[in-house]
C-alpha atoms as a PDB file:
ATOM      1  CA  MET A   1      18.234  80.325 -11.308  1.00  0.00           C
ATOM      2  CA  ALA A   2      16.614  78.998 -14.463  1.00  0.00           C
ATOM      3  CA  GLN A   3      16.026  75.314 -15.051  1.00  0.00           C
ATOM      4  CA  ILE A   4      17.787  74.073 -18.191  1.00  0.00           C
ATOM      5  CA  VAL A   5      16.304  71.718 -20.779  1.00  0.00           C
ATOM      6  CA  ASP A   6      19.050  70.533 -23.121  1.00  0.00           C
ATOM      7  CA  ALA A   7      17.344  69.244 -26.260  1.00  0.00           C
ATOM      8  CA  ARG A   8      20.280  69.692 -28.619  1.00  0.00           C
ATOM      9  CA  GLY A   9      20.716  66.860 -31.071  1.00  0.00           C
ATOM     10  CA  LEU A  10      17.094  65.762 -30.755  1.00  0.00           C
ATOM     11  CA  SER A  11      14.487  66.074 -33.476  1.00  0.00           C
ATOM     12  CA  CYS A  12      10.896  67.182 -33.013  1.00  0.00           C
ATOM     13  CA  PRO A  13       8.741  66.469 -31.181  1.00  0.00           C
ATOM     14  CA  GLN A  14      11.308  65.548 -28.505  1.00  0.00           C
ATOM     15  CA  PRO A  15      12.402  69.130 -27.606  1.00  0.00           C
ATOM     16  CA  VAL A  16       8.747  70.203 -27.284  1.00  0.00           C
ATOM     17  CA  LEU A  17       7.886  67.195 -25.113  1.00  0.00           C
ATOM     18  CA  MET A  18      10.886  67.819 -22.852  1.00  0.00           C
ATOM     19  CA  THR A  19       9.951  71.495 -22.532  1.00  0.00           C
ATOM     20  CA  MET A  20       6.321  70.664 -21.720  1.00  0.00           C
ATOM     21  CA  GLN A  21       7.460  68.192 -19.038  1.00  0.00           C
ATOM     22  CA  GLU A  22       9.614  70.885 -17.434  1.00  0.00           C
ATOM     23  CA  ILE A  23       6.775  73.444 -17.645  1.00  0.00           C
ATOM     24  CA  LYS A  24       4.438  71.033 -15.826  1.00  0.00           C
ATOM     25  CA  LYS A  25       7.093  70.206 -13.225  1.00  0.00           C
ATOM     26  CA  THR A  26       8.207  73.794 -12.627  1.00  0.00           C
ATOM     27  CA  GLY A  27       4.862  75.593 -12.828  1.00  0.00           C
ATOM     28  CA  LYS A  28       6.452  79.045 -12.861  1.00  0.00           C
ATOM     29  CA  GLY A  29       9.805  80.796 -12.954  1.00  0.00           C
ATOM     30  CA  GLN A  30      12.362  80.581 -15.730  1.00  0.00           C
ATOM     31  CA  ILE A  31      13.388  77.764 -18.018  1.00  0.00           C
ATOM     32  CA  GLU A  32      16.214  77.855 -20.553  1.00  0.00           C
ATOM     33  CA  VAL A  33      15.730  75.518 -23.484  1.00  0.00           C
ATOM     34  CA  LEU A  34      18.718  74.612 -25.658  1.00  0.00           C
ATOM     35  CA  VAL A  35      17.908  73.467 -29.202  1.00  0.00           C
ATOM     36  CA  ASP A  36      19.895  73.204 -32.410  1.00  0.00           C
ATOM     37  CA  THR A  37      17.372  73.651 -35.236  1.00  0.00           C
ATOM     38  CA  ASP A  38      15.113  76.467 -36.418  1.00  0.00           C
ATOM     39  CA  THR A  39      12.152  74.084 -36.378  1.00  0.00           C
ATOM     40  CA  SER A  40      12.728  73.164 -32.735  1.00  0.00           C
ATOM     41  CA  LYS A  41      13.161  76.846 -31.848  1.00  0.00           C
ATOM     42  CA  GLU A  42       9.807  77.741 -33.431  1.00  0.00           C
ATOM     43  CA  ASN A  43       7.949  74.723 -32.025  1.00  0.00           C
ATOM     44  CA  VAL A  44       9.270  75.126 -28.475  1.00  0.00           C
ATOM     45  CA  SER A  45       8.455  78.854 -28.506  1.00  0.00           C
ATOM     46  CA  ARG A  46       4.922  78.197 -29.773  1.00  0.00           C
ATOM     47  CA  ALA A  47       4.314  75.399 -27.245  1.00  0.00           C
ATOM     48  CA  ALA A  48       5.533  77.521 -24.322  1.00  0.00           C
ATOM     49  CA  ALA A  49       3.349  80.463 -25.381  1.00  0.00           C
ATOM     50  CA  SER A  50       0.330  78.148 -25.645  1.00  0.00           C
ATOM     51  CA  GLN A  51       0.831  77.268 -21.968  1.00  0.00           C
ATOM     52  CA  GLY A  52       0.838  80.925 -20.926  1.00  0.00           C
ATOM     53  CA  TRP A  53       4.614  81.273 -20.680  1.00  0.00           C
ATOM     54  CA  GLN A  54       6.382  84.337 -22.030  1.00  0.00           C
ATOM     55  CA  VAL A  55       9.070  83.693 -24.589  1.00  0.00           C
ATOM     56  CA  GLY A  56      11.881  86.032 -23.658  1.00  0.00           C
ATOM     57  CA  ASN A  57      15.307  86.154 -25.155  1.00  0.00           C
ATOM     58  CA  ILE A  58      16.179  83.780 -28.002  1.00  0.00           C
ATOM     59  CA  SER A  59      19.909  83.899 -28.611  1.00  0.00           C
ATOM     60  CA  ALA A  60      22.002  82.073 -31.160  1.00  0.00           C
ATOM     61  CA  GLU A  61      24.591  79.969 -29.403  1.00  0.00           C
ATOM     62  CA  GLY A  62      27.156  77.955 -31.279  1.00  0.00           C
ATOM     63  CA  GLU A  63      25.239  75.698 -33.666  1.00  0.00           C
ATOM     64  CA  GLY A  64      21.905  76.274 -31.949  1.00  0.00           C
ATOM     65  CA  TYR A  65      19.720  78.513 -29.831  1.00  0.00           C
ATOM     66  CA  ARG A  66      19.093  79.298 -26.176  1.00  0.00           C
ATOM     67  CA  ILE A  67      15.419  80.102 -25.548  1.00  0.00           C
ATOM     68  CA  LEU A  68      14.457  81.748 -22.275  1.00  0.00           C
ATOM     69  CA  ILE A  69      10.842  81.229 -21.248  1.00  0.00           C
ATOM     70  CA  LYS A  70       9.306  82.544 -18.043  1.00  0.00           C
ATOM     71  CA  LYS A  71       6.104  82.661 -16.113  1.00  0.00           C
ATOM     72  CA  ASP A  72       5.347  84.700 -13.023  1.00  0.00           C
ATOM     73  CA  ALA A  73       3.319  83.289 -10.160  1.00  0.00           C
END
């Protein structure tokens, strides 16, 4: 089951910082990041990719987005 980072309602750089914390804590697997702005979506995706994580599905959800990032062992 994916870890969930709920960064809705927060402005950058908070969603990126929360995502990076979870990436460090988790190390591998799947993380779902919930954001509510295009800027946060782009920044979180870029930050995850820079750490070697794959950005999977990005789906619009309500007022925001659900970003699935994953990293195998």
